Amino acid sequence: MSSAPAYLDIDRADAVLVLEDGRSFRGQAYGATGQTVGEAVFSTGMTGYQETLTDPSYHRQVVVMTAPHIGNTGANAEDEESRRIWVAGYVVRDPALRPSSWRSQRSLEDDLRDQGVVGISGVDTRALTRHLRERGAMRAGIFSGERAELPPAELAAVVQRAPRMSGAALAAEVTTAEPYVVPAVGDRRFTVAAVDLGIKSMTPTLMAQHGIEVHVLPATASFEDIRAVGGSGPDGVFFSNGPGDPATADQEVAVLRQVLDARIPFFGICFGNQLLGRALGFGTYKLKYGHRGINQPVMDRRTGKVEVTAHNHGFAVDAPLGAEVRAPSDAAAEPTDYGRVRVSHVCLNDDVVEGLECLDLPAYSVQYHPEAAAGPHDAAYLFDRFITLMTDSTEGDRA
């Protein structure tokens, strides 16, 4: 009998995943060996794992992949959404023994190991996901190698000392250090100031393909910084996705209120949607276990169409789902009448607000990711809607 192929001969160190409520799952090390802590969340995507890992919105989270086989297509330089992997830890059931794709340049585990990301494999991810759905997202730690042999009570204590996601201000930790410009593809139609709260590279790329010159600004950008874009000011303002608790983003909300006061067309996604909600006077709250993955059903209430969408958020806007309402006054800011607002999109799984539309202002937002690399692409029309908003605003100024 011939010997087994070399790639089957993998000697992995022992590892254990410990949740803050004391439940633990044993497995083998995957990626770097050591210790990590973060908020345990699950992602339902069957593909696009490289985009998930490099999405800054996953900063300080231990991501559990519900699909059993991860790493089949390897990793490459084209699918990265930012300059590095952001997840705090990675949990898979069956890692690919070797990648199989013509686009693969290296294995997924190579990336995890090279960037020091501690992971665990061989875990019953279905049982773990059911536990998180029942108990809610919670802190978790992955311990591998010698750390995996420490007493369970000692490991649980490490997890329980980790910071919670509620109250975490993280945009400043993932944003760009310096402004940069993504030029329009072909003729420049519009100029947009994009505030980077954890932006994915595909977002300005898709805007550029629509003829938009995108000026990406740090999360600390002031309204004056925004007004200086392009010399004469931007045609529109975009707030990106990002990690952390929107209740901590007072400075960003204050800047957004100035954008609304100036009637500059605004488009926000994910974290940007939550900040629009706050700017309009609505509250935000933490979801029990959040929405993550690339197969979340959302209804566009304007058209009645259902979109399959990409999500990554653990917080949501607390706004009424009924008829249009007046934007409530924000007691923490100067009272401003922003007119009528309605919930434009809703999640069909749990009726969570997935979009806001201002009816008396040129502003709208969605809670999901219309850039959606590696898919789906049902929500790509939202970039066209931004074009329409800026076109109408420009023509109105000329009139």
Protein backbone atom coordinates (compact mmCIF):
# COMPACT_ATOMS: atom_id res chain seq x y z
CA MET A 1 0.00 0.00 0.00
CA SER A 2 1.35 3.45 -0.91
CA SER A 3 1.95 6.01 1.84
CA ALA A 4 -0.47 8.92 2.35
CA PRO A 5 0.25 12.19 0.52
CA ALA A 6 2.43 14.63 2.45
CA TYR A 7 -0.37 17.18 2.80
CA LEU A 8 -2.38 14.70 4.89
CA ASP A 9 0.40 14.47 7.45
CA ILE A 10 -0.53 17.53 9.53
CA ASP A 11 0.51 17.55 13.17
CA ARG A 12 -1.59 20.22 14.88
CA ALA A 13 -1.27 21.38 18.46
CA ASP A 14 -4.20 20.98 20.82
CA ALA A 15 -6.52 23.97 21.16
CA VAL A 16 -9.61 24.94 23.13
CA LEU A 17 -12.30 27.59 22.63
CA VAL A 18 -13.71 28.94 25.90
CA LEU A 19 -16.88 31.06 26.09
CA GLU A 20 -17.52 33.59 28.83
CA ASP A 21 -20.42 31.49 30.16
CA GLY A 22 -18.00 28.60 30.80
CA ARG A 23 -18.80 26.34 27.85
CA SER A 24 -15.76 25.07 25.98
CA PHE A 25 -14.99 23.30 22.71
CA ARG A 26 -11.78 21.36 22.11
CA GLY A 27 -10.04 21.09 18.75
CA GLN A 28 -6.72 21.65 17.04
CA ALA A 29 -4.74 24.80 16.32
CA TYR A 30 -5.41 26.49 12.98
CA GLY A 31 -3.25 29.38 11.87
CA ALA A 32 -1.03 30.86 14.56
CA THR A 33 -0.57 29.12 17.90
CA GLY A 34 -1.11 31.10 21.08
CA GLN A 35 -3.95 32.98 22.74
CA THR A 36 -6.62 35.46 21.61
CA VAL A 37 -9.88 36.90 22.97
CA GLY A 38 -12.79 38.77 21.40
CA GLU A 39 -16.53 38.71 20.83
CA ALA A 40 -17.71 35.35 19.46
CA VAL A 41 -19.97 35.79 16.40
CA PHE A 42 -20.97 33.49 13.57
CA SER A 43 -20.94 34.09 9.82
CA THR A 44 -23.23 32.11 7.51
CA GLY A 45 -21.34 32.64 4.26
CA MET A 46 -20.29 29.52 2.35
CA THR A 47 -17.63 31.47 0.47
CA GLY A 48 -15.90 34.84 0.61
CA TYR A 49 -13.89 33.95 3.71
CA GLN A 50 -10.94 36.07 2.61
CA GLU A 51 -13.18 39.13 2.30
CA THR A 52 -14.61 38.37 5.76
CA LEU A 53 -11.20 38.11 7.37
CA THR A 54 -9.99 41.41 5.89
CA ASP A 55 -13.22 43.34 6.60
CA PRO A 56 -12.36 45.93 9.31
CA SER A 57 -15.89 45.57 10.71
CA TYR A 58 -14.75 42.25 12.24
CA HIS A 59 -12.11 43.96 14.39
CA ARG A 60 -11.95 42.37 17.88
CA GLN A 61 -14.31 39.53 16.95
CA VAL A 62 -13.76 35.78 17.03
CA VAL A 63 -15.53 34.63 13.88
CA VAL A 64 -17.19 31.20 13.73
CA MET A 65 -17.78 29.95 10.18
CA THR A 66 -21.02 27.95 9.93
CA ALA A 67 -20.06 26.37 6.59
CA PRO A 68 -18.10 23.20 7.44
CA HIS A 69 -15.35 23.37 4.77
CA ILE A 70 -13.22 26.50 4.80
CA GLY A 71 -10.12 27.31 2.77
CA ASN A 72 -10.95 25.37 -0.38
CA THR A 73 -10.12 28.22 -2.77
CA GLY A 74 -7.02 29.44 -0.95
CA ALA A 75 -6.06 33.10 -0.81
CA ASN A 76 -4.88 35.72 -3.29
CA ALA A 77 -3.92 39.39 -3.45
CA GLU A 78 -7.04 40.53 -5.34
CA ASP A 79 -9.75 39.56 -2.84
CA GLU A 80 -8.42 41.38 0.21
CA GLU A 81 -10.72 44.16 1.44
CA SER A 82 -8.07 46.01 3.45
CA ARG A 83 -4.39 46.01 4.32
CA ARG A 84 -4.58 43.14 6.85
CA ILE A 85 -6.70 40.49 8.57
CA TRP A 86 -8.81 42.11 11.30
CA VAL A 87 -10.56 39.22 13.05
CA ALA A 88 -9.34 38.49 16.57
CA GLY A 89 -9.70 34.73 16.07
CA TYR A 90 -11.04 32.21 13.59
CA VAL A 91 -13.10 29.06 14.19
CA VAL A 92 -13.68 26.37 11.53
CA ARG A 93 -14.81 22.80 11.48
CA ASP A 94 -12.89 21.23 8.58
CA PRO A 95 -10.03 23.28 7.11
CA ALA A 96 -9.11 22.46 3.54
CA LEU A 97 -6.14 20.12 3.30
CA ARG A 98 -4.92 22.09 0.30
CA PRO A 99 -6.44 24.89 -1.81
CA SER A 100 -7.89 24.12 -5.24
CA SER A 101 -8.43 27.21 -7.39
CA TRP A 102 -6.67 28.67 -10.39
CA ARG A 103 -6.67 32.01 -8.55
CA SER A 104 -5.05 30.68 -5.38
CA GLN A 105 -1.60 32.04 -4.55
CA ARG A 106 -1.26 30.58 -1.06
CA SER A 107 -3.31 28.71 1.53
CA LEU A 108 -5.69 30.42 3.92
CA GLU A 109 -3.72 29.02 6.85
CA ASP A 110 -0.57 30.66 5.46
CA ASP A 111 -2.30 34.04 5.77
CA LEU A 112 -3.55 33.32 9.30
CA ARG A 113 -0.15 32.11 10.46
CA ASP A 114 1.82 34.90 8.79
CA GLN A 115 -0.39 37.57 10.38
CA GLY A 116 -0.47 35.97 13.82
CA VAL A 117 -4.19 35.16 13.81
CA VAL A 118 -4.95 32.42 16.33
CA GLY A 119 -7.59 29.95 15.15
CA ILE A 120 -9.06 26.59 16.02
CA SER A 121 -10.27 23.73 13.80
CA GLY A 122 -12.09 20.48 14.44
CA VAL A 123 -14.83 22.28 16.38
CA ASP A 124 -18.51 21.32 16.14
CA THR A 125 -19.42 24.72 14.69
CA ARG A 126 -23.09 23.77 14.39
CA ALA A 127 -23.35 23.20 18.15
CA LEU A 128 -21.37 26.36 18.81
CA THR A 129 -23.60 28.42 16.52
CA ARG A 130 -26.77 27.05 18.13
CA HIS A 131 -25.34 28.01 21.52
CA LEU A 132 -24.64 31.58 20.38
CA ARG A 133 -28.12 31.87 18.84
CA GLU A 134 -29.71 30.80 22.12
CA ARG A 135 -27.45 32.68 24.54
CA GLY A 136 -26.38 35.59 22.34
CA ALA A 137 -23.01 36.89 21.18
CA MET A 138 -20.49 36.72 24.00
CA ARG A 139 -16.80 37.00 24.69
CA ALA A 140 -14.61 34.04 23.81
CA GLY A 141 -11.00 32.99 23.86
CA ILE A 142 -8.96 30.58 21.77
CA PHE A 143 -6.00 28.95 23.50
CA SER A 144 -3.63 26.60 21.68
CA GLY A 145 -0.36 24.83 22.38
CA GLU A 146 0.72 24.94 26.01
CA ARG A 147 -2.03 27.45 26.83
CA ALA A 148 -4.68 24.86 25.97
CA GLU A 149 -3.56 22.75 28.96
CA LEU A 150 -4.18 25.41 31.58
CA PRO A 151 -7.06 24.86 34.06
CA PRO A 152 -10.49 25.72 32.55
CA ALA A 153 -11.25 28.19 35.35
CA GLU A 154 -8.05 30.12 34.58
CA LEU A 155 -8.90 30.31 30.87
CA ALA A 156 -12.49 31.39 31.61
CA ALA A 157 -11.14 34.18 33.82
CA VAL A 158 -9.01 35.45 30.92
CA VAL A 159 -12.12 35.58 28.70
CA GLN A 160 -14.22 37.34 31.33
CA ARG A 161 -11.62 40.09 31.68
CA ALA A 162 -11.77 40.89 27.96
CA PRO A 163 -13.55 44.13 26.99
CA ARG A 164 -17.15 43.92 25.77
CA MET A 165 -18.28 45.15 22.36
CA SER A 166 -20.95 47.37 23.92
CA GLY A 167 -19.35 50.72 24.59
CA ALA A 168 -16.36 50.02 22.31
CA ALA A 169 -15.17 52.90 20.10
CA LEU A 170 -13.17 51.15 17.37
CA ALA A 171 -13.42 53.22 14.19
CA ALA A 172 -10.24 55.14 15.04
CA GLU A 173 -8.35 51.82 15.31
CA VAL A 174 -9.17 50.69 11.76
CA THR A 175 -9.41 53.92 9.75
CA THR A 176 -6.84 55.20 7.28
CA ALA A 177 -4.05 57.30 8.78
CA GLU A 178 -4.00 59.70 5.84
CA PRO A 179 -6.53 60.79 3.21
CA TYR A 180 -6.23 59.24 -0.24
CA VAL A 181 -8.02 59.46 -3.57
CA VAL A 182 -9.49 56.70 -5.74
CA PRO A 183 -9.84 58.29 -9.20
CA ALA A 184 -12.94 57.87 -11.32
CA VAL A 185 -12.85 55.29 -14.09
CA GLY A 186 -13.35 57.20 -17.33
CA ASP A 187 -14.91 60.64 -17.15
CA ARG A 188 -15.37 62.06 -13.66
CA ARG A 189 -19.04 62.74 -13.03
CA PHE A 190 -19.00 63.47 -9.30
CA THR A 191 -16.67 63.93 -6.35
CA VAL A 192 -17.50 62.18 -3.07
CA ALA A 193 -16.01 62.51 0.41
CA ALA A 194 -15.98 59.01 1.95
CA VAL A 195 -15.42 58.92 5.71
CA ASP A 196 -13.50 55.73 6.51
CA LEU A 197 -15.00 54.13 9.61
CA GLY A 198 -13.65 50.73 8.49
CA ILE A 199 -14.16 50.94 4.74
CA LYS A 200 -13.72 47.94 2.45
CA SER A 201 -11.63 48.51 -0.67
CA MET A 202 -14.40 47.34 -2.98
CA THR A 203 -16.62 50.27 -1.97
CA PRO A 204 -14.56 53.13 -3.49
CA THR A 205 -13.69 50.78 -6.37
CA LEU A 206 -17.36 50.39 -7.31
CA MET A 207 -17.99 54.11 -6.88
CA ALA A 208 -15.07 54.83 -9.20
CA GLN A 209 -16.63 52.54 -11.79
CA HIS A 210 -19.70 54.81 -11.64
CA GLY A 211 -17.58 57.84 -12.56
CA ILE A 212 -17.06 59.03 -8.98
CA GLU A 213 -13.76 60.42 -7.75
CA VAL A 214 -13.61 59.18 -4.14
CA HIS A 215 -11.68 61.14 -1.50
CA VAL A 216 -11.30 58.74 1.45
CA LEU A 217 -10.93 60.61 4.75
CA PRO A 218 -9.99 59.38 8.24
CA ALA A 219 -12.76 58.75 10.78
CA THR A 220 -11.59 61.89 12.61
CA ALA A 221 -12.39 64.13 9.63
CA SER A 222 -14.19 67.36 10.50
CA PHE A 223 -16.94 68.99 8.49
CA GLU A 224 -14.34 71.51 7.32
CA ASP A 225 -12.23 68.62 6.00
CA ILE A 226 -15.25 67.35 4.09
CA ARG A 227 -16.06 70.79 2.65
CA ALA A 228 -12.45 71.12 1.44
CA VAL A 229 -12.66 68.01 -0.77
CA GLY A 230 -12.19 68.78 -4.44
CA GLY A 231 -11.55 72.44 -3.78
CA SER A 232 -15.18 73.47 -4.17
CA GLY A 233 -16.64 70.81 -1.89
CA PRO A 234 -17.95 67.31 -2.62
CA ASP A 235 -21.07 66.45 -4.57
CA GLY A 236 -21.89 63.82 -1.96
CA VAL A 237 -20.77 62.37 1.36
CA PHE A 238 -20.46 58.68 2.21
CA PHE A 239 -20.09 57.06 5.65
CA SER A 240 -18.72 53.52 5.52
CA ASN A 241 -19.14 50.33 7.46
CA GLY A 242 -17.02 49.81 10.57
CA PRO A 243 -16.69 48.11 13.97
CA GLY A 244 -17.82 49.08 17.44
CA ASP A 245 -20.80 50.54 19.23
CA PRO A 246 -22.51 53.43 17.38
CA ALA A 247 -23.47 54.92 20.74
CA THR A 248 -19.82 55.93 21.19
CA ALA A 249 -19.54 57.84 17.88
CA ASP A 250 -20.62 61.30 19.09
CA GLN A 251 -18.00 63.17 17.04
CA GLU A 252 -18.94 61.36 13.82
CA VAL A 253 -22.65 61.96 14.46
CA ALA A 254 -22.02 65.68 15.02
CA VAL A 255 -20.19 65.89 11.67
CA LEU A 256 -23.01 64.01 9.94
CA ARG A 257 -25.58 66.45 11.34
CA GLN A 258 -23.56 69.26 9.74
CA VAL A 259 -23.70 67.38 6.43
CA LEU A 260 -27.48 67.08 6.75
CA ASP A 261 -27.81 70.74 7.73
CA ALA A 262 -25.87 71.70 4.58
CA ARG A 263 -28.18 69.50 2.46
CA ILE A 264 -25.25 67.65 0.90
CA PRO A 265 -26.40 64.30 -0.57
CA PHE A 266 -25.56 61.53 1.89
CA PHE A 267 -25.27 57.74 1.60
CA GLY A 268 -24.29 55.47 4.50
CA ILE A 269 -23.88 51.74 4.91
CA CYS A 270 -23.74 49.52 7.99
CA PHE A 271 -22.10 51.67 10.71
CA GLY A 272 -22.96 54.67 8.53
CA ASN A 273 -26.63 53.64 8.68
CA GLN A 274 -26.52 53.51 12.46
CA LEU A 275 -24.91 56.95 12.58
CA LEU A 276 -27.59 58.40 10.28
CA GLY A 277 -30.17 56.97 12.65
CA ARG A 278 -28.49 58.68 15.58
CA ALA A 279 -28.09 61.95 13.65
CA LEU A 280 -31.84 61.92 12.95
CA GLY A 281 -32.57 61.39 16.64
CA PHE A 282 -33.25 57.64 16.75
CA GLY A 283 -31.58 55.31 19.22
CA THR A 284 -29.43 52.24 18.58
CA TYR A 285 -29.23 48.93 20.40
CA LYS A 286 -27.20 45.73 20.43
CA LEU A 287 -28.68 42.72 18.67
CA LYS A 288 -28.71 39.39 20.46
CA TYR A 289 -26.36 37.71 18.00
CA GLY A 290 -26.26 40.05 15.00
CA HIS A 291 -26.40 39.43 11.26
CA ARG A 292 -23.27 38.16 9.50
CA GLY A 293 -22.82 36.37 6.20
CA ILE A 294 -23.80 36.75 2.56
CA ASN A 295 -27.30 35.26 2.50
CA GLN A 296 -29.52 37.59 4.56
CA PRO A 297 -33.00 38.35 3.09
CA VAL A 298 -33.98 42.02 3.08
CA MET A 299 -37.10 43.65 1.62
CA ASP A 300 -36.93 47.00 -0.14
CA ARG A 301 -40.19 48.48 1.11
CA ARG A 302 -40.32 50.98 -1.75
CA THR A 303 -40.48 48.27 -4.43
CA GLY A 304 -41.50 45.17 -2.47
CA LYS A 305 -38.51 43.29 -3.89
CA VAL A 306 -36.52 40.92 -1.73
CA GLU A 307 -32.73 41.12 -1.90
CA VAL A 308 -30.20 38.54 -0.76
CA THR A 309 -27.62 40.67 0.99
CA ALA A 310 -24.23 40.64 2.74
CA HIS A 311 -24.25 41.63 6.43
CA ASN A 312 -21.83 42.20 9.27
CA HIS A 313 -23.34 44.08 12.17
CA GLY A 314 -24.15 43.54 15.82
CA PHE A 315 -26.05 46.80 16.41
CA ALA A 316 -29.20 48.24 14.82
CA VAL A 317 -31.28 51.43 14.61
CA ASP A 318 -34.35 51.67 16.83
CA ALA A 319 -36.87 53.24 14.44
CA PRO A 320 -40.59 52.49 13.90
CA LEU A 321 -41.44 50.17 11.01
CA GLY A 322 -44.82 51.75 10.34
CA ALA A 323 -45.60 54.75 8.17
CA GLU A 324 -43.22 57.66 7.70
CA VAL A 325 -42.47 59.68 10.84
CA ARG A 326 -40.94 63.03 11.67
CA ALA A 327 -37.30 62.73 12.63
CA PRO A 328 -37.22 63.08 16.43
CA SER A 329 -35.19 65.92 17.90
CA ASP A 330 -31.85 64.87 19.37
CA ALA A 331 -31.75 66.17 22.94
CA ALA A 332 -27.95 66.09 22.90
CA ALA A 333 -27.69 68.47 19.95
CA GLU A 334 -29.19 71.65 18.65
CA PRO A 335 -32.79 70.83 17.64
CA THR A 336 -33.08 70.63 13.86
CA ASP A 337 -36.11 69.70 11.80
CA TYR A 338 -34.97 66.98 9.40
CA GLY A 339 -38.48 66.35 8.21
CA ARG A 340 -40.00 63.02 7.32
CA VAL A 341 -38.14 59.72 7.60
CA ARG A 342 -39.17 56.18 6.83
CA VAL A 343 -37.66 52.74 7.24
CA SER A 344 -36.83 51.82 3.65
CA HIS A 345 -35.57 48.25 4.16
CA VAL A 346 -36.31 45.55 6.70
CA CYS A 347 -34.77 42.16 7.49
CA LEU A 348 -37.23 39.36 6.77
CA ASN A 349 -35.70 37.09 9.42
CA ASP A 350 -36.40 39.31 12.42
CA ASP A 351 -37.87 42.68 11.28
CA VAL A 352 -34.67 44.58 12.13
CA VAL A 353 -34.34 48.00 10.47
CA GLU A 354 -32.10 47.60 7.41
CA GLY A 355 -32.36 51.04 5.85
CA LEU A 356 -33.47 54.64 6.37
CA GLU A 357 -34.68 57.16 3.83
CA CYS A 358 -35.11 60.88 4.43
CA LEU A 359 -38.03 62.24 2.45
CA ASP A 360 -37.23 65.93 2.91
CA LEU A 361 -33.44 65.65 2.75
CA PRO A 362 -31.09 64.07 0.16
CA ALA A 363 -30.01 61.28 2.51
CA TYR A 364 -30.45 57.52 2.80
CA SER A 365 -28.63 54.52 4.22
CA VAL A 366 -28.72 50.74 4.48
CA GLN A 367 -27.54 48.39 7.20
CA TYR A 368 -25.89 45.93 4.81
CA HIS A 369 -23.02 45.89 2.29
CA PRO A 370 -23.99 46.71 -1.31
CA GLU A 371 -20.37 46.29 -2.47
CA ALA A 372 -20.74 42.62 -1.42
CA ALA A 373 -17.50 41.05 -2.54
CA ALA A 374 -17.63 38.07 -3.08
CA GLY A 375 -21.37 38.44 -3.53
CA PRO A 376 -24.35 38.60 -3.69
CA HIS A 377 -24.93 41.62 -5.92
CA ASP A 378 -28.67 42.21 -5.49
CA ALA A 379 -28.04 45.56 -3.79
CA ALA A 380 -25.70 47.07 -6.40
CA TYR A 381 -28.51 49.45 -7.44
CA LEU A 382 -27.88 51.46 -4.27
CA PHE A 383 -24.83 53.04 -5.93
CA ASP A 384 -27.07 54.08 -8.84
CA ARG A 385 -29.45 55.62 -6.31
CA PHE A 386 -26.56 57.69 -4.94
CA ILE A 387 -25.80 58.89 -8.47
CA THR A 388 -29.44 59.92 -8.89
CA LEU A 389 -29.41 61.73 -5.55
CA MET A 390 -26.32 63.75 -6.51
CA THR A 391 -27.65 64.42 -10.02
CA ASP A 392 -30.94 65.76 -8.68
CA SER A 393 -29.11 67.90 -6.13
CA THR A 394 -26.76 69.35 -8.75
CA GLU A 395 -29.60 70.13 -11.14
CA GLY A 396 -31.56 71.71 -8.30
CA ASP A 397 -28.61 73.99 -7.46
CA ARG A 398 -28.37 75.06 -11.11
CA ALA A 399 -32.07 75.83 -11.23
